[in-house]
Amino acid sequence: MLIRELDLSNTVVIDAEELQKHMKDPRLKIFDIRGEWGTPPIAKPDDYFQGHIPNACYLDWTRELIDTDVALAEAPVPDDSRADASFASLGIHADDLVVLYGDDDHMFASRLWWVMQYFGLKNVKVLNGGWKNWCACGYEVSIEVPAPETGSFRATRQEHLRCEIDAVIHRSTDTILLDGRGAESHRGLPHDPRTGHIPGAVNVPFRSLVDTHSGLFKDDAAIKAIFAEAGIELGHPNIISSCGSGYAGSVVVVALRKIGVGAALYDGSFSEWQKDPARPVAQILK
């Protein structure tokens, strides 16, 4: 069965077994987005060259589908012309199935999934379990580097998927604002009053949504239970996900979509919020 005959429109993740079945379809485009969020954040193309999923191209998240004139930690999306240039260089067409994978925390794959969705690409998926699970399944690994053709997809922004700072400042009282960072970052540091979180944000650490052993997203029941424990009503129509720089929050958006819940992403997140000393910051200090 070819990809164009599959109904994958309602799925956000694709399992390694399903991907393996369709490896020979010409409309399948696979991208390796392994990287590391450190000081500084880096792409890891050397890992790709040492072995990757067959036919996968490397997508450098520090250069493609991002505004390279601004610091990586601020994670802005590019303008339409730069987005179009990235889609062209990556060889992406509107009718492709694009599968993105990274390491087992899904942070970079989820970010690029969100960016591609924001620019209107509909059939894009995160490989569940990423590179770790692909190898654990014993599937083929390659060192061949394919040469992508020129893509024809053109960006059409889906503004409902992205929130800017004004929308967060003036959000309605019934809007749920999530913080996907770890609990320590959400709480803040006693000696630094500009650490902590946006007032009113509810902490759902992105790593809590992924099984640490397998790298797979937790099953739907477990994900729903995590949000329920945080006091989140999943039937709520207005949910905004945030984090430090728009990456971890993307994993939360993917997990929500996996259980059929839509959410927008505050792209600038806390790194943008805390810049202005006039904007309040909340802390949870013991």
Protein backbone atom coordinates (compact mmCIF):
# COMPACT_ATOMS: atom_id res chain seq x y z
CA MET A 1 0.00 0.00 0.00
CA LEU A 2 1.38 3.41 -0.96
CA ILE A 3 1.45 6.36 1.40
CA ARG A 4 -1.07 8.27 -0.70
CA GLU A 5 -3.52 5.43 0.01
CA LEU A 6 -3.02 5.62 3.77
CA ASP A 7 -5.24 7.68 6.05
CA LEU A 8 -2.63 9.13 8.37
CA SER A 9 -4.21 12.59 8.61
CA ASN A 10 -5.32 12.12 12.19
CA THR A 11 -2.06 10.76 13.55
CA VAL A 12 0.88 12.77 14.83
CA VAL A 13 3.33 9.95 15.59
CA ILE A 14 4.26 6.97 13.47
CA ASP A 15 5.66 3.76 14.92
CA ALA A 16 8.87 2.19 13.62
CA GLU A 17 6.95 -0.86 12.40
CA GLU A 18 4.59 1.27 10.32
CA LEU A 19 7.45 3.30 8.89
CA GLN A 20 9.33 0.14 7.97
CA LYS A 21 6.37 -1.06 5.89
CA HIS A 22 6.50 2.01 3.65
CA MET A 23 10.22 2.62 3.24
CA LYS A 24 10.13 2.17 -0.53
CA ASP A 25 7.37 4.68 -1.22
CA PRO A 26 8.72 7.62 -3.28
CA ARG A 27 6.58 10.12 -1.39
CA LEU A 28 8.21 9.27 1.95
CA LYS A 29 10.74 11.80 3.21
CA ILE A 30 12.65 10.98 6.41
CA PHE A 31 14.75 13.50 8.33
CA ASP A 32 17.26 12.88 11.09
CA ILE A 33 17.22 15.84 13.52
CA ARG A 34 19.52 14.66 16.26
CA GLY A 35 21.00 17.45 18.34
CA GLU A 36 21.82 18.53 21.85
CA TRP A 37 20.35 21.30 23.98
CA GLY A 38 23.45 22.52 25.78
CA THR A 39 25.54 25.66 26.08
CA PRO A 40 25.52 26.29 23.21
CA PRO A 41 22.79 24.13 21.65
CA ILE A 42 24.21 22.13 18.74
CA ALA A 43 23.19 19.98 15.81
CA LYS A 44 24.82 16.53 15.63
CA PRO A 45 25.40 15.66 11.98
CA ASP A 46 28.32 13.39 12.90
CA ASP A 47 25.87 11.03 14.57
CA TYR A 48 23.91 10.94 11.32
CA PHE A 49 26.98 10.16 9.22
CA GLN A 50 27.87 7.27 11.53
CA GLY A 51 24.50 5.65 10.92
CA HIS A 52 20.90 6.61 10.24
CA ILE A 53 17.58 5.28 8.99
CA PRO A 54 17.90 4.34 5.29
CA ASN A 55 17.04 7.20 2.89
CA ALA A 56 16.99 9.74 5.72
CA CYS A 57 18.54 13.16 5.14
CA TYR A 58 20.02 15.21 7.93
CA LEU A 59 18.05 18.30 8.95
CA ASP A 60 20.20 20.83 10.78
CA TRP A 61 17.73 22.40 13.19
CA THR A 62 20.15 25.27 13.86
CA ARG A 63 19.97 26.38 10.21
CA GLU A 64 16.72 25.22 8.63
CA LEU A 65 13.21 26.54 9.35
CA ILE A 66 14.52 28.97 11.95
CA ASP A 67 15.42 32.65 11.92
CA THR A 68 19.22 32.43 11.98
CA ASP A 69 19.55 36.17 12.68
CA VAL A 70 18.35 35.62 16.25
CA ALA A 71 19.86 33.55 19.07
CA LEU A 72 18.89 29.88 19.04
CA ALA A 73 17.52 30.09 22.57
CA GLU A 74 14.80 32.44 21.33
CA ALA A 75 13.69 29.85 18.75
CA PRO A 76 11.86 32.10 16.31
CA VAL A 77 10.27 30.83 13.13
CA PRO A 78 11.68 32.32 9.91
CA ASP A 79 9.89 34.55 7.46
CA ASP A 80 8.01 32.91 4.59
CA SER A 81 10.83 33.29 2.06
CA ARG A 82 13.30 31.52 4.33
CA ALA A 83 10.76 28.83 5.10
CA ASP A 84 10.18 28.28 1.37
CA ALA A 85 13.94 28.05 0.84
CA SER A 86 14.22 25.40 3.54
CA PHE A 87 11.37 23.33 2.12
CA ALA A 88 12.99 23.58 -1.32
CA SER A 89 16.45 22.54 -0.10
CA LEU A 90 14.99 19.65 1.89
CA GLY A 91 13.12 18.36 -1.18
CA ILE A 92 9.66 18.54 0.39
CA HIS A 93 6.45 18.54 -1.68
CA ALA A 94 2.89 19.08 -0.47
CA ASP A 95 1.86 15.44 -0.99
CA ASP A 96 4.85 13.93 0.83
CA LEU A 97 4.69 12.05 4.10
CA VAL A 98 7.45 13.64 6.17
CA VAL A 99 8.77 11.65 9.13
CA LEU A 100 11.05 13.35 11.64
CA TYR A 101 13.19 11.64 14.24
CA GLY A 102 15.78 12.62 16.78
CA ASP A 103 16.92 11.28 20.10
CA ASP A 104 14.55 9.70 22.57
CA ASP A 105 13.28 12.92 24.17
CA HIS A 106 11.69 13.99 20.85
CA MET A 107 12.52 17.65 21.49
CA PHE A 108 14.00 18.61 18.11
CA ALA A 109 11.73 16.35 16.06
CA SER A 110 8.68 17.79 17.85
CA ARG A 111 9.87 21.34 17.30
CA LEU A 112 10.34 20.79 13.56
CA TRP A 113 7.01 18.94 13.41
CA TRP A 114 5.35 22.01 14.90
CA VAL A 115 7.19 24.41 12.56
CA MET A 116 6.21 22.39 9.48
CA GLN A 117 2.61 22.22 10.67
CA TYR A 118 2.65 25.96 11.32
CA PHE A 119 3.77 26.57 7.75
CA GLY A 120 0.92 24.40 6.46
CA LEU A 121 2.51 21.00 5.78
CA LYS A 122 -0.21 18.56 6.73
CA ASN A 123 1.26 15.06 6.55
CA VAL A 124 4.22 15.28 8.90
CA LYS A 125 4.87 12.82 11.75
CA VAL A 126 7.25 12.28 14.64
CA LEU A 127 8.82 8.81 14.73
CA ASN A 128 7.69 7.33 18.03
CA GLY A 129 10.75 6.36 20.05
CA GLY A 130 13.09 8.13 17.63
CA TRP A 131 16.48 6.73 16.73
CA LYS A 132 16.71 4.76 19.97
CA ASN A 133 13.60 2.71 19.29
CA TRP A 134 14.43 2.19 15.60
CA CYS A 135 17.70 0.57 16.64
CA ALA A 136 16.04 -1.41 19.44
CA CYS A 137 13.65 -2.88 16.87
CA GLY A 138 16.63 -4.16 14.88
CA TYR A 139 15.72 -2.35 11.67
CA GLU A 140 18.26 -1.54 8.98
CA VAL A 141 20.78 1.26 9.48
CA SER A 142 22.57 3.03 6.63
CA ILE A 143 25.56 5.33 6.11
CA GLU A 144 24.50 6.33 2.58
CA VAL A 145 23.68 10.01 2.19
CA PRO A 146 20.86 10.65 -0.29
CA ALA A 147 20.82 13.76 -2.46
CA PRO A 148 17.45 15.50 -2.08
CA GLU A 149 15.66 16.95 -5.08
CA THR A 150 14.32 20.50 -5.02
CA GLY A 151 11.06 20.70 -3.12
CA SER A 152 7.98 22.57 -4.31
CA PHE A 153 6.08 23.10 -1.04
CA ARG A 154 5.28 26.73 -0.23
CA ALA A 155 4.55 28.02 3.24
CA THR A 156 1.03 29.01 4.26
CA ARG A 157 0.98 30.06 7.88
CA GLN A 158 -1.53 28.49 10.24
CA GLU A 159 -1.69 31.32 12.74
CA HIS A 160 -3.93 29.45 15.18
CA LEU A 161 -0.98 27.15 15.99
CA ARG A 162 1.29 29.93 17.24
CA CYS A 163 0.95 32.47 20.04
CA GLU A 164 2.99 35.61 20.35
CA ILE A 165 3.64 37.37 23.61
CA ASP A 166 0.68 39.77 23.39
CA ALA A 167 -1.72 36.83 23.14
CA VAL A 168 -0.19 35.36 26.30
CA ILE A 169 -0.31 38.67 28.18
CA HIS A 170 -3.93 39.29 27.21
CA ARG A 171 -5.13 35.70 27.32
CA SER A 172 -8.63 35.11 28.60
CA THR A 173 -9.20 33.81 32.10
CA ASP A 174 -10.37 30.47 30.69
CA THR A 175 -7.13 29.89 28.75
CA ILE A 176 -4.85 27.13 30.05
CA LEU A 177 -1.15 27.99 29.85
CA LEU A 178 1.20 25.00 30.15
CA ASP A 179 4.91 25.02 31.00
CA GLY A 180 6.70 21.99 29.58
CA ARG A 181 10.04 22.55 31.35
CA GLY A 182 11.30 20.45 34.22
CA ALA A 183 9.94 21.08 37.70
CA GLU A 184 13.10 22.83 38.93
CA SER A 185 13.05 25.36 36.11
CA HIS A 186 9.34 25.96 36.69
CA ARG A 187 9.88 26.55 40.42
CA GLY A 188 12.72 29.05 39.99
CA LEU A 189 15.81 29.87 42.04
CA PRO A 190 15.53 31.78 45.34
CA HIS A 191 18.56 33.94 44.56
CA ASP A 192 17.35 34.91 41.07
CA PRO A 193 13.93 36.58 40.95
CA ARG A 194 13.86 36.45 37.14
CA THR A 195 13.74 32.65 37.17
CA GLY A 196 10.53 30.67 37.58
CA HIS A 197 7.53 30.75 35.27
CA ILE A 198 4.91 32.91 33.64
CA PRO A 199 2.24 33.62 36.27
CA GLY A 200 -0.64 31.17 35.96
CA ALA A 201 1.32 28.56 33.98
CA VAL A 202 0.77 24.92 34.95
CA ASN A 203 3.81 22.64 34.90
CA VAL A 204 3.64 19.45 32.81
CA PRO A 205 7.29 18.43 32.27
CA PHE A 206 7.75 17.17 28.72
CA ARG A 207 9.91 14.27 29.83
CA SER A 208 7.06 12.94 31.95
CA LEU A 209 5.16 12.20 28.72
CA VAL A 210 7.86 9.88 27.33
CA ASP A 211 8.95 6.48 28.66
CA THR A 212 12.57 6.90 29.73
CA HIS A 213 13.50 3.30 28.92
CA SER A 214 12.11 2.92 25.40
CA GLY A 215 11.92 6.55 24.26
CA LEU A 216 8.31 5.92 23.22
CA PHE A 217 5.55 8.34 24.05
CA LYS A 218 3.50 6.95 26.89
CA ASP A 219 0.18 5.39 25.93
CA ASP A 220 -2.89 7.60 25.65
CA ALA A 221 -4.32 6.59 29.03
CA ALA A 222 -1.06 7.47 30.79
CA ILE A 223 -0.78 10.81 29.00
CA LYS A 224 -4.36 11.70 29.94
CA ALA A 225 -3.64 10.75 33.55
CA ILE A 226 -0.60 13.05 33.66
CA PHE A 227 -2.65 16.02 32.48
CA ALA A 228 -5.48 15.12 34.84
CA GLU A 229 -3.05 15.01 37.77
CA ALA A 230 -1.90 18.51 36.81
CA GLY A 231 -5.53 19.65 36.92
CA ILE A 232 -5.85 20.16 33.15
CA GLU A 233 -9.27 19.76 31.58
CA LEU A 234 -8.49 18.18 28.21
CA GLY A 235 -11.82 19.22 26.73
CA HIS A 236 -10.84 22.84 27.15
CA PRO A 237 -10.85 24.78 23.87
CA ASN A 238 -7.98 27.20 24.70
CA ILE A 239 -4.63 25.61 25.54
CA ILE A 240 -1.23 27.25 25.05
CA SER A 241 1.98 25.30 25.54
CA SER A 242 5.22 27.02 26.50
CA CYS A 243 8.63 26.16 27.90
CA GLY A 244 12.00 27.89 27.89
CA SER A 245 12.54 28.44 24.18
CA GLY A 246 9.74 26.71 22.24
CA TYR A 247 11.27 23.22 22.06
CA ALA A 248 10.14 21.26 25.12
CA GLY A 249 6.72 22.86 24.74
CA SER A 250 6.50 21.34 21.27
CA VAL A 251 6.75 17.85 22.80
CA VAL A 252 3.76 18.73 24.98
CA VAL A 253 1.84 19.84 21.87
CA VAL A 254 2.65 16.52 20.15
CA ALA A 255 1.54 14.53 23.20
CA LEU A 256 -1.72 16.49 23.35
CA ARG A 257 -2.34 15.96 19.63
CA LYS A 258 -1.63 12.26 20.11
CA ILE A 259 -4.67 12.08 22.42
CA GLY A 260 -6.77 14.25 20.13
CA VAL A 261 -6.34 17.61 21.88
CA GLY A 262 -5.23 20.74 20.02
CA ALA A 263 -2.93 23.37 21.51
CA ALA A 264 -1.05 26.42 20.31
CA LEU A 265 2.63 27.04 21.08
CA TYR A 266 3.98 30.22 22.62
CA ASP A 267 7.04 30.36 20.42
CA GLY A 268 9.11 32.84 22.45
CA SER A 269 8.29 31.12 25.75
CA PHE A 270 9.98 32.00 29.03
CA SER A 271 13.23 33.19 27.42
CA GLU A 272 11.26 36.01 25.80
CA TRP A 273 8.91 36.58 28.74
CA GLN A 274 11.55 37.14 31.40
CA LYS A 275 13.56 39.67 29.37
CA ASP A 276 11.35 42.60 30.32
CA PRO A 277 11.65 43.35 34.07
CA ALA A 278 8.16 44.88 33.94
CA ARG A 279 6.67 41.47 33.22
CA PRO A 280 5.97 39.52 36.43
CA VAL A 281 7.58 36.17 37.12
CA ALA A 282 6.16 33.58 39.52
CA GLN A 283 8.19 31.23 41.71
CA ILE A 284 7.37 28.26 43.92
CA LEU A 285 9.74 28.46 46.84
CA LYS A 286 9.78 26.11 49.81
